[in-house]
């Protein structure tokens, strides 16, 4: 289903971006380098005093001011507890600003490269950092930001896909023949039995930067209340044996700072199934945004949907397997 309000970046021209930044008393001396971001528009630049910054312009209508401010507060609380994370700068006591209808924030630009764990020791170190993040997360709750409501999000995703014009007509029967039973199975899990806390929300390797030995979390745009396993399971990949070893290492480090409820392991494959569906719906919802069409051109091709049908079948089968068992 298309909502024109979701694609309201047409007026965010370079001079608007520059003027917005300069309204804070920060004067870019370099060009604007667009960074990989699809929900928002993010630009790196160097100011006239030689410092590098990142300006993030929030997608209109996605989050309320209160929800964005909770994201900023959480990132600052993490920094105050010495958890490496990128938090927005405050100018005149405010971290969220507005210019010509666009809300934005400015962040320090940090050095580093994408974190690529080479062994289980690296994953244990990452587990410690996630444990530290959750230790801070448990000290308070989000009041304005959405919770990780699987039933609602799943229902919204299915509704979006049912109205999508991108699913090839000749594949519709096969697609829904597997997506519907997968979704029904996902609804049977006891999501309400999980303890919720403040999370990063989109904690995957791409949102962790490494500089020397320090790991820094970036992009808390999807932070919300949810189960701890949501910030851990996306770090797993490969065979079942590989994932068992990886999870064991992550939890070993995690428990240096936070207790982990092992019953949450049973929700790894359901969360993977949910993400498959939610990701397709997200691309469909944002498809009229030209940035999505440039970044994901394959989404409108039949071979993509064919591959998704196979992935959905494999995921439905995975839900019937016994959960991973940790070594402790």
Foldseek 3Di string as FASTA:
>chain_A
DEDPLQQPCVPVDQVQVQVQCCVLVWHFPDGWQWDDDDQWTKTWTATPVGFIKIKIWGRPPPADPLQVVVLLVLQVLLVVVVQFEKHFDDGPNDQWDDTPHIIMGMIGDDDFDQDDDPDLLLLLVVLLSQLSSQLSQAVDARDRDDAPDLVVLLVVLVVLVVPFPQADPVCVVLLCVLLVVLSVVLVPDPQVVAAKTWHLQQAARRQWGDDPHDIHGYDSVRIHIGHSCSNPLNHADDDLVRRQSSVLSSVNNSVVRDDHDVVCLLCSLSVVLSCLSSVLSVLRHSVVRVVSCVVCVCNSPNVVSVVSSVVSVVSSVVNPDDGRDHPD
